[in-house]
Amino acid sequence: MGSFKSNIITGLAIGVGSVIIAPLIVPALSKAAKPLAKAAIRGGLTLFETGREKLAEMHEVVDDLMAEAKAEIAAEQAARTGEKVEGG
């Protein structure tokens, strides 16, 4: 039972100490954390934009490859049937 009482007193002391010290520490931590958070957000946005640009470039390359493949298929089919290929 003595250990339980000791734990309660320790817990209360930590709680009271936190309440007293928190108003002093929180503003200092928030001032330090704001630039770090801002830098992390900027880095994330930059990474997102770069990824979006690379994805758009990749999409364009795939579209070009698909158009070329379709043109080749049309040319092969036309060669088999003896027709003239449009746009080629």
Protein backbone atom coordinates (compact mmCIF):
# COMPACT_ATOMS: atom_id res chain seq x y z
CA MET A 1 0.00 0.00 0.00
CA GLY A 2 2.92 2.34 0.70
CA SER A 3 4.18 1.89 -2.84
CA PHE A 4 0.77 2.90 -4.19
CA LYS A 5 0.74 6.08 -2.07
CA SER A 6 4.25 6.89 -3.23
CA ASN A 7 3.22 6.45 -6.87
CA ILE A 8 0.25 8.78 -6.40
CA ILE A 9 2.41 11.45 -4.82
CA THR A 10 4.99 11.10 -7.58
CA GLY A 11 2.29 11.32 -10.23
CA LEU A 12 0.74 14.38 -8.62
CA ALA A 13 4.13 16.06 -8.34
CA ILE A 14 4.83 15.43 -12.01
CA GLY A 15 1.38 16.71 -12.96
CA VAL A 16 1.70 19.89 -10.88
CA GLY A 17 5.21 20.48 -12.18
CA SER A 18 4.00 20.04 -15.75
CA VAL A 19 1.19 22.54 -15.22
CA ILE A 20 3.63 25.09 -13.82
CA ILE A 21 6.39 24.57 -16.40
CA ALA A 22 4.23 24.00 -19.50
CA PRO A 23 3.34 27.69 -20.07
CA LEU A 24 7.06 28.47 -20.12
CA ILE A 25 8.17 25.61 -22.34
CA VAL A 26 5.32 25.41 -24.88
CA PRO A 27 5.91 28.86 -26.46
CA ALA A 28 9.63 28.18 -26.76
CA LEU A 29 8.99 24.79 -28.34
CA SER A 30 6.39 26.19 -30.72
CA LYS A 31 8.80 28.91 -31.85
CA ALA A 32 11.43 26.28 -32.55
CA ALA A 33 9.01 23.79 -34.10
CA LYS A 34 7.35 26.24 -36.50
CA PRO A 35 10.39 26.65 -38.81
CA LEU A 36 10.98 22.90 -38.76
CA ALA A 37 7.36 22.17 -39.63
CA LYS A 38 7.39 24.82 -42.32
CA ALA A 39 10.56 23.34 -43.85
CA ALA A 40 9.05 19.86 -43.79
CA ILE A 41 5.90 21.11 -45.51
CA ARG A 42 7.93 22.98 -48.15
CA GLY A 43 9.98 19.87 -48.81
CA GLY A 44 6.84 17.78 -49.12
CA LEU A 45 5.26 20.23 -51.53
CA THR A 46 8.41 20.36 -53.65
CA LEU A 47 8.57 16.58 -53.74
CA PHE A 48 4.88 16.38 -54.65
CA GLU A 49 5.23 18.90 -57.49
CA THR A 50 8.32 17.17 -58.86
CA GLY A 51 6.56 13.83 -58.74
CA ARG A 52 3.54 15.28 -60.49
CA GLU A 53 5.73 16.71 -63.27
CA LYS A 54 7.58 13.42 -63.73
CA LEU A 55 4.29 11.54 -63.86
CA ALA A 56 2.97 13.92 -66.53
CA GLU A 57 6.16 13.41 -68.57
CA MET A 58 5.84 9.65 -68.23
CA HIS A 59 2.19 9.84 -69.29
CA GLU A 60 3.19 11.77 -72.40
CA VAL A 61 5.85 9.19 -73.32
CA VAL A 62 3.36 6.34 -72.87
CA ASP A 63 0.78 8.17 -74.99
CA ASP A 64 3.38 8.65 -77.74
CA LEU A 65 4.36 4.98 -77.60
CA MET A 66 0.72 3.92 -77.80
CA ALA A 67 0.14 6.19 -80.82
CA GLU A 68 3.22 4.76 -82.55
CA ALA A 69 2.12 1.20 -81.80
CA LYS A 70 -1.38 1.88 -83.15
CA ALA A 71 0.11 3.41 -86.30
CA GLU A 72 2.33 0.36 -86.81
CA ILE A 73 -0.64 -1.97 -86.34
CA ALA A 74 -2.68 0.04 -88.83
CA ALA A 75 0.22 -0.03 -91.31
CA GLU A 76 0.62 -3.79 -90.95
CA GLN A 77 -3.10 -4.35 -91.44
CA ALA A 78 -3.13 -2.06 -94.46
CA ALA A 79 -0.14 -3.85 -95.94
CA ARG A 80 -1.95 -7.15 -95.59
CA THR A 81 -5.11 -5.86 -97.26
CA GLY A 82 -3.36 -3.58 -99.75
CA GLU A 83 -4.96 -0.36 -98.46
CA LYS A 84 -3.29 3.02 -98.08
CA VAL A 85 -2.59 4.11 -94.48
CA GLU A 86 -3.96 7.53 -93.49
CA GLY A 87 -1.63 9.93 -91.67
CA GLY A 88 1.43 7.71 -92.12
